[in-house]
């Protein structure tokens, strides 16, 4: 006599296992099969050539810099930028004056 899976050895009815639609999907099974195959052959994603790792890290850094440039400046950053421009203007206007009259250096 065939006993259903949800009845255990003691005759107690246990919870029926629910199907997992993700694991049953064909795309998930194909991906799992491909990962197993690449693992057996030793082609793991962590073992990339060094050049490829360096290029990927550079690409990530470049993307991060581009994202930082795209985001709007905060109030603090805007204020710091204004102060820096003011300092550059002040220092820029004073440098030619001080450069035209070099300080006298004593011989002793």
Foldseek 3Di string as FASTA:
>chain_A
DDDDPQQDPVRDGHDDDDDDVQCPDPVNVVVVVVQVVCVVVVNDPVPDDPVVVVVVVVVVVVVVVVVVVPDDDDPVRVVVVVVVVVVCVVCVVVVVVCVVPDDDDDPD
